[in-house]
Amino acid sequence: MRITILAALLLSSTPLLAQESRTVRTELTQVVSKSLDEMMVIPGELKPYQRVDIHAKVTGFVEVVHVDRGSFVEEGQLLAEMSAPELEAQRIEAQARIPAVESQRIEARARLAAALSTFQKLSEAAKTPGVVAGNDVVLAEANVKAEEARIAALDQTIAAHEASVRALEEIEKYLKVMAPFAGVVTQRLAHPGALAGPRGDTAMPLFTIEQVSRLRLVAAVPEAYRQSIARGRKVQFSVAAFPAEAFTAVVARPAYAVDPKTRTMPVELDFTNTGTKLTPGMYAEVQWPVRRSDETLFVPQSAIIATTERIFVIRVANGEAEWVNVRRSQSEGDLAEVFGNIEVGDTIVLRATDEIRPGTEVLERQ
């Protein structure tokens, strides 16, 4: 009898317990709207503004090397001198042909003068009938034209030889290896006596020169920050070599394409490296400003619940809990930017937990 009464009491109390389990008291807050404006640290790397491997333009032997690794050079400065005996022999041979052809041209001009004089005399005499045969005048005129043609051919031959000499002289200028721009020699592979030649599959460069007075800071900007990329914007960065110092670079060349592997967009920033304080290859931490043109919605970090299936906040509407899916974006302090079917002023649970099921009666804790 006693057991029956106890069971009846338990059954009668079950609805009351269930009702109490569907009512919670917790702290509530509201969805706010504000402009996103924060600094995100993203990785970057300093690279030379210009870098080039200098190869010999013609095949020859290295005679003198004027610079070494670490040498600062100016644009047009002489780096090395080479010699090419075969090239010099070709130029001398081409120059030697010119005097012989010029001698032939002088003789041809003398013959032309004589042929022209004969033709003029015969033409004058032919004015008197019967003094000179007409065929003699024709032959004299043909002789003049032949000498003129011979002189024209010799002129062309001389011009060809002179052009060959000039071409060889221009090629010989390449035996003096010059710096294409101001920078520093970061590699020196040339040594006196070495045979060097034009760039090919196996040809080694003579030098590597990098421009370090101006550097490119290449930053990998996440695609979520695409809207914050603006040409001309000044951005600060730091390097491990000078941890207490901040440097400033200017956004210059966005790639306008996202790398599908890293989901980042390479962006180049220009940095004036006064005194060559920084060097290419340095790792940099870039203080990237993240801003949006329009205001977006923010909720406290603690109001977001992330499970393996969904990300949501718990909205309280008409006193009952409602799960609302959201997409989380940027963080700003204790707040997180979210996108979803929520509006400014919506009441949400401040410290959300998935134990607060949809339909649960929610009362604000005082």
Protein backbone atom coordinates (compact mmCIF):
# COMPACT_ATOMS: atom_id res chain seq x y z
CA MET A 1 0.00 0.00 0.00
CA ARG A 2 2.81 2.35 0.91
CA ILE A 3 4.60 1.56 -2.40
CA THR A 4 1.46 2.33 -4.38
CA ILE A 5 1.06 5.73 -2.74
CA LEU A 6 4.74 6.57 -3.42
CA ALA A 7 4.43 5.63 -7.08
CA ALA A 8 1.32 7.76 -7.39
CA LEU A 9 3.12 10.73 -5.92
CA LEU A 10 6.02 10.32 -8.36
CA LEU A 11 3.69 10.12 -11.35
CA SER A 12 1.79 13.19 -10.25
CA SER A 13 5.03 15.18 -9.92
CA THR A 14 6.47 14.25 -13.37
CA PRO A 15 4.68 16.99 -15.39
CA LEU A 16 5.83 19.58 -12.91
CA LEU A 17 9.48 18.49 -13.22
CA ALA A 18 9.28 18.51 -17.04
CA GLN A 19 7.79 21.97 -16.99
CA GLU A 20 10.54 23.26 -14.73
CA SER A 21 13.24 21.73 -17.00
CA ARG A 22 11.92 23.83 -19.94
CA THR A 23 12.39 27.10 -18.13
CA VAL A 24 15.86 28.67 -17.70
CA ARG A 25 17.12 31.89 -16.26
CA THR A 26 20.22 33.34 -17.92
CA GLU A 27 21.88 36.58 -18.98
CA LEU A 28 20.63 38.13 -22.19
CA THR A 29 22.12 40.67 -24.58
CA GLN A 30 21.30 42.24 -27.92
CA VAL A 31 22.67 42.08 -31.45
CA VAL A 32 24.49 45.33 -32.27
CA SER A 33 25.52 46.97 -35.53
CA LYS A 34 28.89 48.65 -35.96
CA SER A 35 31.68 49.25 -38.44
CA LEU A 36 34.47 46.70 -38.52
CA ASP A 37 37.79 48.42 -37.89
CA GLU A 38 40.65 46.38 -36.51
CA MET A 39 44.22 45.31 -37.14
CA MET A 40 45.02 41.76 -38.13
CA VAL A 41 48.56 40.35 -38.13
CA ILE A 42 49.34 38.55 -41.39
CA PRO A 43 52.67 37.15 -42.64
CA GLY A 44 54.80 38.90 -45.22
CA GLU A 45 58.20 38.61 -46.87
CA LEU A 46 60.60 41.29 -48.05
CA LYS A 47 61.90 40.87 -51.58
CA PRO A 48 64.21 43.01 -53.74
CA TYR A 49 62.44 45.46 -55.97
CA GLN A 50 64.57 44.18 -58.86
CA ARG A 51 66.73 41.07 -59.10
CA VAL A 52 68.67 39.82 -62.08
CA ASP A 53 71.20 37.13 -62.91
CA ILE A 54 73.82 38.70 -65.16
CA HIS A 55 75.08 36.44 -67.94
CA ALA A 56 77.73 37.12 -70.57
CA LYS A 57 76.10 38.21 -73.83
CA VAL A 58 78.95 36.84 -75.94
CA THR A 59 81.28 33.91 -75.48
CA GLY A 60 84.65 34.92 -74.10
CA PHE A 61 87.17 34.60 -71.28
CA VAL A 62 86.87 36.58 -68.06
CA GLU A 63 89.92 38.83 -67.76
CA VAL A 64 89.19 41.16 -64.83
CA VAL A 65 86.52 41.14 -62.12
CA HIS A 66 85.97 44.52 -60.45
CA VAL A 67 83.34 43.63 -57.82
CA ASP A 68 82.61 40.90 -55.32
CA ARG A 69 79.71 39.70 -53.17
CA GLY A 70 78.44 42.56 -51.04
CA SER A 71 79.67 45.28 -53.40
CA PHE A 72 77.25 48.16 -53.87
CA VAL A 73 77.18 49.23 -57.51
CA GLU A 74 75.67 52.06 -59.51
CA GLU A 75 73.76 51.79 -62.76
CA GLY A 76 76.20 51.39 -65.67
CA GLN A 77 79.16 50.55 -63.43
CA LEU A 78 81.78 48.20 -64.90
CA LEU A 79 81.57 44.80 -63.21
CA ALA A 80 83.91 42.66 -65.28
CA GLU A 81 85.96 42.70 -68.50
CA MET A 82 86.17 39.83 -70.96
CA SER A 83 88.17 38.99 -74.07
CA ALA A 84 87.14 37.17 -77.24
CA PRO A 85 90.14 36.54 -79.58
CA GLU A 86 87.98 35.12 -82.38
CA LEU A 87 85.75 38.18 -82.32
CA GLU A 88 88.73 40.52 -82.49
CA ALA A 89 90.16 38.56 -85.42
CA GLN A 90 86.88 38.85 -87.33
CA ARG A 91 86.81 42.61 -86.79
CA ILE A 92 90.41 43.06 -87.94
CA GLU A 93 89.75 40.95 -91.02
CA ALA A 94 86.67 42.99 -91.91
CA GLN A 95 88.60 46.24 -91.44
CA ALA A 96 91.44 44.96 -93.65
CA ARG A 97 89.10 44.35 -96.58
CA ILE A 98 87.98 47.96 -96.74
CA PRO A 99 91.25 49.59 -98.04
CA ALA A 100 91.55 47.04 -100.88
CA VAL A 101 88.00 47.71 -102.04
CA GLU A 102 88.54 51.47 -101.71
CA SER A 103 91.60 51.15 -104.00
CA GLN A 104 89.46 49.34 -106.56
CA ARG A 105 86.86 52.09 -106.29
CA ILE A 106 89.50 54.78 -106.96
CA GLU A 107 90.63 52.92 -110.09
CA ALA A 108 87.01 52.52 -111.20
CA ARG A 109 86.39 56.23 -110.78
CA ALA A 110 89.46 57.00 -112.93
CA ARG A 111 88.19 54.67 -115.64
CA LEU A 112 84.77 56.28 -115.35
CA ALA A 113 86.30 59.73 -115.83
CA ALA A 114 88.16 58.54 -118.95
CA ALA A 115 85.08 56.76 -120.35
CA LEU A 116 82.95 59.82 -119.67
CA SER A 117 85.48 62.10 -121.46
CA THR A 118 85.59 59.77 -124.48
CA PHE A 119 81.81 59.62 -124.63
CA GLN A 120 81.49 63.42 -124.47
CA LYS A 121 84.08 63.94 -127.28
CA LEU A 122 82.46 61.33 -129.51
CA SER A 123 79.03 62.82 -128.88
CA GLU A 124 80.31 66.28 -129.86
CA ALA A 125 82.03 64.94 -132.98
CA ALA A 126 78.94 62.97 -133.97
CA LYS A 127 77.12 66.25 -134.47
CA THR A 128 79.06 66.58 -137.74
CA PRO A 129 77.76 63.98 -140.18
CA GLY A 130 80.23 61.31 -141.24
CA VAL A 131 82.97 62.20 -138.70
CA VAL A 132 82.18 59.48 -136.13
CA ALA A 133 80.27 56.26 -136.55
CA GLY A 134 77.08 56.09 -134.50
CA ASN A 135 78.02 52.71 -133.08
CA ASP A 136 81.15 54.22 -131.50
CA VAL A 137 78.98 56.69 -129.53
CA VAL A 138 76.74 53.86 -128.32
CA LEU A 139 79.73 51.81 -127.19
CA ALA A 140 81.24 54.79 -125.35
CA GLU A 141 77.94 55.41 -123.53
CA ALA A 142 77.70 51.74 -122.55
CA ASN A 143 81.25 51.87 -121.22
CA VAL A 144 80.31 54.86 -119.00
CA LYS A 145 77.31 53.01 -117.59
CA ALA A 146 79.41 49.90 -116.92
CA GLU A 147 81.95 51.89 -114.93
CA GLU A 148 79.17 53.59 -112.97
CA ALA A 149 77.67 50.18 -112.14
CA ARG A 150 81.08 48.91 -111.06
CA ILE A 151 81.54 51.90 -108.73
CA ALA A 152 78.05 51.39 -107.23
CA ALA A 153 78.87 47.73 -106.55
CA LEU A 154 82.15 48.69 -104.90
CA ASP A 155 80.32 51.30 -102.77
CA GLN A 156 77.93 48.59 -101.59
CA THR A 157 80.84 46.27 -100.81
CA ILE A 158 82.55 48.94 -98.73
CA ALA A 159 79.30 49.73 -96.93
CA ALA A 160 78.84 46.04 -96.12
CA HIS A 161 82.36 45.75 -94.72
CA GLU A 162 81.93 48.91 -92.66
CA ALA A 163 78.59 47.62 -91.32
CA SER A 164 80.28 44.34 -90.40
CA VAL A 165 83.00 46.22 -88.53
CA ARG A 166 80.43 48.31 -86.66
CA ALA A 167 78.43 45.18 -85.76
CA LEU A 168 81.55 43.46 -84.42
CA GLU A 169 82.49 46.59 -82.48
CA GLU A 170 79.01 46.65 -80.92
CA ILE A 171 79.36 43.00 -79.96
CA GLU A 172 82.79 43.71 -78.46
CA LYS A 173 81.16 46.30 -76.20
CA TYR A 174 79.38 43.39 -74.51
CA LEU A 175 82.78 42.18 -73.35
CA LYS A 176 82.50 44.90 -70.74
CA VAL A 177 79.84 43.67 -68.29
CA MET A 178 77.86 46.59 -66.81
CA ALA A 179 75.40 46.85 -63.94
CA PRO A 180 71.85 47.28 -65.30
CA PHE A 181 70.70 49.16 -62.18
CA ALA A 182 71.97 50.34 -58.82
CA GLY A 183 72.05 47.62 -56.20
CA VAL A 184 74.20 45.14 -54.36
CA VAL A 185 76.04 42.09 -55.70
CA THR A 186 74.56 39.14 -53.81
CA GLN A 187 76.40 36.44 -55.82
CA ARG A 188 79.71 36.48 -57.64
CA LEU A 189 80.43 33.41 -59.77
CA ALA A 190 82.90 34.96 -62.22
CA HIS A 191 86.64 34.43 -61.87
CA PRO A 192 89.52 35.44 -64.15
CA GLY A 193 90.27 32.86 -66.80
CA ALA A 194 86.80 31.34 -66.78
CA LEU A 195 85.02 30.81 -70.09
CA ALA A 196 81.62 32.51 -70.05
CA GLY A 197 78.88 32.59 -72.62
CA PRO A 198 75.31 33.56 -73.34
CA ARG A 199 72.60 32.27 -71.07
CA GLY A 200 71.61 28.69 -71.73
CA ASP A 201 70.55 25.53 -69.98
CA THR A 202 74.00 25.03 -68.44
CA ALA A 203 75.41 28.57 -68.46
CA MET A 204 76.12 29.98 -65.00
CA PRO A 205 75.53 33.68 -64.34
CA LEU A 206 78.51 35.91 -63.70
CA PHE A 207 76.76 37.87 -60.95
CA THR A 208 73.42 38.29 -59.22
CA ILE A 209 72.42 41.87 -58.45
CA GLU A 210 69.50 42.92 -56.27
CA GLN A 211 68.04 46.37 -55.79
CA VAL A 212 67.79 46.89 -52.04
CA SER A 213 67.24 50.64 -51.80
CA ARG A 214 63.60 49.85 -52.55
CA LEU A 215 61.92 46.62 -51.49
CA ARG A 216 58.72 44.75 -52.19
CA LEU A 217 56.81 43.55 -49.14
CA VAL A 218 54.69 40.62 -50.30
CA ALA A 219 51.79 39.98 -47.91
CA ALA A 220 49.41 37.03 -48.09
CA VAL A 221 46.03 38.65 -47.47
CA PRO A 222 43.21 36.17 -46.64
CA GLU A 223 40.31 36.27 -49.05
CA ALA A 224 38.01 37.35 -46.20
CA TYR A 225 39.96 40.63 -46.10
CA ARG A 226 39.63 41.32 -49.84
CA GLN A 227 37.50 44.40 -49.23
CA SER A 228 40.28 45.98 -47.17
CA ILE A 229 42.80 46.02 -50.05
CA ALA A 230 43.22 49.58 -51.32
CA ARG A 231 46.04 50.96 -53.44
CA GLY A 232 47.97 53.74 -51.74
CA ARG A 233 47.04 52.67 -48.20
CA LYS A 234 49.89 52.88 -45.70
CA VAL A 235 50.47 49.75 -43.66
CA GLN A 236 52.86 49.16 -40.77
CA PHE A 237 54.99 46.05 -40.34
CA SER A 238 57.76 44.76 -38.10
CA VAL A 239 60.69 42.36 -38.47
CA ALA A 240 62.46 40.14 -35.97
CA ALA A 241 65.77 41.97 -36.46
CA PHE A 242 64.27 45.21 -35.12
CA PRO A 243 61.42 44.11 -32.83
CA ALA A 244 60.95 47.52 -31.21
CA GLU A 245 60.70 49.43 -34.49
CA ALA A 246 57.71 49.83 -36.82
CA PHE A 247 58.15 50.35 -40.56
CA THR A 248 55.67 51.69 -43.09
CA ALA A 249 54.97 50.39 -46.59
CA VAL A 250 52.42 51.44 -49.22
CA VAL A 251 49.98 49.05 -50.92
CA ALA A 252 50.97 49.09 -54.60
CA ARG A 253 50.18 45.92 -56.56
CA PRO A 254 47.38 43.52 -55.53
CA ALA A 255 47.34 40.27 -57.47
CA TYR A 256 43.52 40.38 -57.88
CA ALA A 257 43.56 36.58 -57.77
CA VAL A 258 43.24 34.22 -54.80
CA ASP A 259 45.63 31.30 -54.48
CA PRO A 260 43.37 28.22 -54.38
CA LYS A 261 45.81 26.38 -52.10
CA THR A 262 46.19 29.01 -49.37
CA ARG A 263 42.98 31.02 -50.01
CA THR A 264 45.05 34.18 -49.83
CA MET A 265 45.76 36.99 -52.28
CA PRO A 266 49.38 38.11 -52.72
CA VAL A 267 49.66 41.88 -52.35
CA GLU A 268 52.87 43.81 -53.00
CA LEU A 269 53.68 46.87 -50.92
CA ASP A 270 56.49 49.31 -51.73
CA PHE A 271 59.02 50.12 -49.02
CA THR A 272 61.78 52.72 -49.29
CA ASN A 273 64.72 51.04 -47.59
CA THR A 274 66.60 54.10 -46.38
CA GLY A 275 70.15 53.19 -45.46
CA THR A 276 69.47 49.59 -46.59
CA LYS A 277 68.44 48.79 -43.02
CA LEU A 278 66.28 45.86 -44.05
CA THR A 279 67.31 43.09 -46.40
CA PRO A 280 65.47 40.85 -48.88
CA GLY A 281 64.34 37.55 -47.47
CA MET A 282 63.34 38.92 -44.08
CA TYR A 283 60.07 37.66 -42.61
CA ALA A 284 57.65 40.42 -41.66
CA GLU A 285 54.54 40.66 -39.52
CA VAL A 286 52.14 43.02 -41.24
CA GLN A 287 49.55 44.98 -39.24
CA TRP A 288 46.80 44.72 -41.82
CA PRO A 289 43.81 47.08 -41.31
CA VAL A 290 40.48 45.31 -41.76
CA ARG A 291 37.60 47.65 -42.49
CA ARG A 292 34.17 47.38 -44.10
CA SER A 293 32.42 50.17 -45.94
CA ASP A 294 29.06 49.35 -44.30
CA GLU A 295 28.11 48.47 -40.75
CA THR A 296 27.61 44.78 -39.96
CA LEU A 297 26.19 42.77 -37.06
CA PHE A 298 28.17 41.80 -33.98
CA VAL A 299 27.44 39.52 -31.04
CA PRO A 300 29.54 38.52 -28.01
CA GLN A 301 31.93 35.64 -28.61
CA SER A 302 30.23 33.69 -25.80
CA ALA A 303 26.87 33.90 -27.59
CA ILE A 304 28.05 31.71 -30.49
CA ILE A 305 27.76 27.94 -30.33
CA ALA A 306 29.80 25.84 -32.75
CA THR A 307 29.08 22.14 -33.19
CA THR A 308 30.13 19.67 -35.83
CA GLU A 309 26.84 20.30 -37.63
CA ARG A 310 26.16 24.00 -37.31
CA ILE A 311 27.11 27.39 -35.89
CA PHE A 312 24.27 29.29 -34.25
CA VAL A 313 23.11 31.75 -31.62
CA ILE A 314 20.10 31.41 -29.36
CA ARG A 315 17.58 34.15 -30.02
CA VAL A 316 14.82 34.80 -27.47
CA ALA A 317 11.52 35.65 -29.18
CA ASN A 318 8.28 35.91 -27.20
CA GLY A 319 10.07 34.44 -24.21
CA GLU A 320 11.14 31.24 -26.01
CA ALA A 321 14.53 30.05 -27.24
CA GLU A 322 15.15 29.82 -30.98
CA TRP A 323 18.28 28.51 -32.65
CA VAL A 324 19.43 30.76 -35.52
CA ASN A 325 22.21 29.64 -37.85
CA VAL A 326 24.92 32.24 -38.44
CA ARG A 327 28.19 32.50 -40.33
CA ARG A 328 31.05 33.82 -38.29
CA SER A 329 33.51 36.24 -39.89
CA GLN A 330 35.94 38.60 -38.14
CA SER A 331 36.59 39.11 -34.45
CA GLU A 332 37.01 42.42 -32.71
CA GLY A 333 37.85 42.08 -29.05
CA ASP A 334 35.05 40.24 -27.22
CA LEU A 335 32.73 40.65 -30.21
CA ALA A 336 32.40 38.56 -33.34
CA GLU A 337 31.04 39.63 -36.71
CA VAL A 338 28.20 37.37 -37.84
CA PHE A 339 25.93 37.02 -40.83
CA GLY A 340 22.59 35.25 -40.77
CA ASN A 341 18.85 35.62 -40.23
CA ILE A 342 19.21 38.03 -37.33
CA GLU A 343 18.66 41.76 -36.99
CA VAL A 344 19.91 44.65 -34.92
CA GLY A 345 18.27 44.64 -31.50
CA ASP A 346 17.43 40.94 -31.45
CA THR A 347 17.68 39.51 -27.94
CA ILE A 348 20.07 36.58 -27.64
CA VAL A 349 21.51 34.47 -24.85
CA LEU A 350 24.81 35.94 -23.66
CA ARG A 351 26.40 32.66 -22.57
CA ALA A 352 24.83 30.18 -24.92
CA THR A 353 24.80 26.40 -24.56
CA ASP A 354 23.17 23.74 -26.65
CA GLU A 355 21.39 22.54 -23.50
CA ILE A 356 18.96 25.40 -24.07
CA ARG A 357 16.79 23.65 -26.60
CA PRO A 358 14.46 25.39 -29.06
CA GLY A 359 11.13 26.19 -27.40
CA THR A 360 12.63 26.48 -23.92
CA GLU A 361 11.15 29.33 -21.89
CA VAL A 362 13.95 31.84 -21.23
CA LEU A 363 13.81 34.38 -18.41
CA GLU A 364 16.40 37.07 -17.95
CA ARG A 365 18.52 36.72 -14.87
CA GLN A 366 18.40 39.88 -12.83
